[in-house]
Amino acid sequence: VTLDTHSKLDVAIDGADNVDPGFNLVKGGGGALLREKMVELAADKFIVIVDESKLCGGLGPTFPIPVEITPFCHEHTIRTIAALPSC
C-alpha cells in the first residue's frame, strides 16, 4: 500500500526521537523526514507513541538532526538553516 494508491489515511502512527516536558517532540532522527511528513499530512489523525527512553529535560543537540532539502527552494532552505543560532 502506498500513498499513490491510497491518498487518504484514517490514522498514521509513528514514534518520536525525543519528547520534552511540554510534549514538544523531535521526529526524523532516522532521516525519513519528507516521507514521514507526507504520511502525516495524508492522515486524518496522527498519533505519536513514545516510551520513557524518549523523554528528555529539553530538546537540544543530544543527537544530530538530519535536514532533508528538496530541489524546490533549496537555496532558501540553506539560507534559513544557516541563519539559525545553533548552526
Protein backbone atom coordinates (compact mmCIF):
# COMPACT_ATOMS: atom_id res chain seq x y z
CA VAL A 1 0.00 0.00 0.00
CA THR A 2 1.36 3.41 -0.95
CA LEU A 3 0.07 6.97 -0.95
CA ASP A 4 -0.09 6.70 -4.74
CA THR A 5 -2.85 4.12 -4.40
CA HIS A 6 -4.41 5.28 -1.09
CA SER A 7 -4.23 9.08 -0.82
CA LYS A 8 -6.31 9.37 2.34
CA LEU A 9 -5.50 7.56 5.60
CA ASP A 10 -7.71 7.33 8.66
CA VAL A 11 -4.77 7.24 11.03
CA ALA A 12 -0.97 7.24 10.94
CA ILE A 13 1.12 6.09 13.91
CA ASP A 14 4.80 6.80 14.44
CA GLY A 15 7.33 7.29 17.20
CA ALA A 16 9.31 10.34 18.30
CA ASP A 17 13.05 10.61 18.88
CA ASN A 18 12.81 12.98 21.87
CA VAL A 19 9.94 14.49 23.89
CA ASP A 20 10.33 17.32 26.42
CA PRO A 21 8.11 18.02 29.47
CA GLY A 22 5.88 20.32 27.37
CA PHE A 23 5.23 17.48 24.89
CA ASN A 24 7.29 19.19 22.18
CA LEU A 25 8.97 16.49 20.15
CA VAL A 26 11.69 15.78 17.65
CA LYS A 27 10.97 13.42 14.79
CA GLY A 28 13.09 12.49 11.82
CA GLY A 29 16.25 11.37 13.58
CA GLY A 30 16.32 8.44 11.20
CA GLY A 31 16.37 10.71 8.17
CA ALA A 32 12.96 9.94 6.57
CA LEU A 33 11.68 13.48 7.12
CA LEU A 34 9.84 14.08 3.86
CA ARG A 35 8.36 10.57 3.76
CA GLU A 36 7.08 10.85 7.35
CA LYS A 37 5.61 14.31 6.71
CA MET A 38 3.75 13.10 3.60
CA VAL A 39 2.19 10.20 5.54
CA GLU A 40 1.27 12.52 8.42
CA LEU A 41 -0.43 15.01 6.09
CA ALA A 42 -2.42 12.26 4.36
CA ALA A 43 -3.86 11.04 7.67
CA ASP A 44 -6.99 12.36 9.39
CA LYS A 45 -5.34 11.60 12.74
CA PHE A 46 -1.63 11.37 13.56
CA ILE A 47 -0.61 9.53 16.73
CA VAL A 48 2.90 9.66 18.19
CA ILE A 49 3.91 6.92 20.61
CA VAL A 50 6.86 7.24 22.99
CA ASP A 51 8.26 5.38 25.95
CA GLU A 52 10.39 6.56 28.88
CA SER A 53 13.61 6.30 26.88
CA LYS A 54 12.48 9.18 24.63
CA LEU A 55 11.74 11.64 27.45
CA CYS A 56 14.25 14.45 27.96
CA GLY A 57 14.56 17.64 30.01
CA GLY A 58 14.63 19.82 26.90
CA LEU A 59 15.03 19.48 23.18
CA GLY A 60 18.55 20.07 22.10
CA PRO A 61 21.61 18.64 20.46
CA THR A 62 21.54 15.18 22.03
CA PHE A 63 21.98 13.75 18.54
CA PRO A 64 22.40 15.22 15.05
CA ILE A 65 19.08 16.06 13.43
CA PRO A 66 19.07 15.43 9.69
CA VAL A 67 17.70 18.08 7.38
CA GLU A 68 16.16 16.95 4.13
CA ILE A 69 16.47 19.55 1.38
CA THR A 70 14.43 19.13 -1.77
CA PRO A 71 15.36 20.78 -5.09
CA PHE A 72 12.40 23.17 -4.77
CA CYS A 73 13.59 26.28 -2.87
CA HIS A 74 16.83 24.60 -1.83
CA GLU A 75 18.78 27.88 -1.72
CA HIS A 76 16.15 29.47 0.53
CA THR A 77 16.24 26.43 2.81
CA ILE A 78 20.04 26.54 3.05
CA ARG A 79 19.97 30.26 3.95
CA THR A 80 17.27 29.69 6.57
CA ILE A 81 19.23 26.87 8.20
CA ALA A 82 22.48 28.84 8.10
CA ALA A 83 20.75 31.72 9.94
CA LEU A 84 19.72 29.51 12.89
CA PRO A 85 21.57 30.40 16.10
CA SER A 86 22.78 26.83 16.65
CA CYS A 87 24.36 26.47 13.19
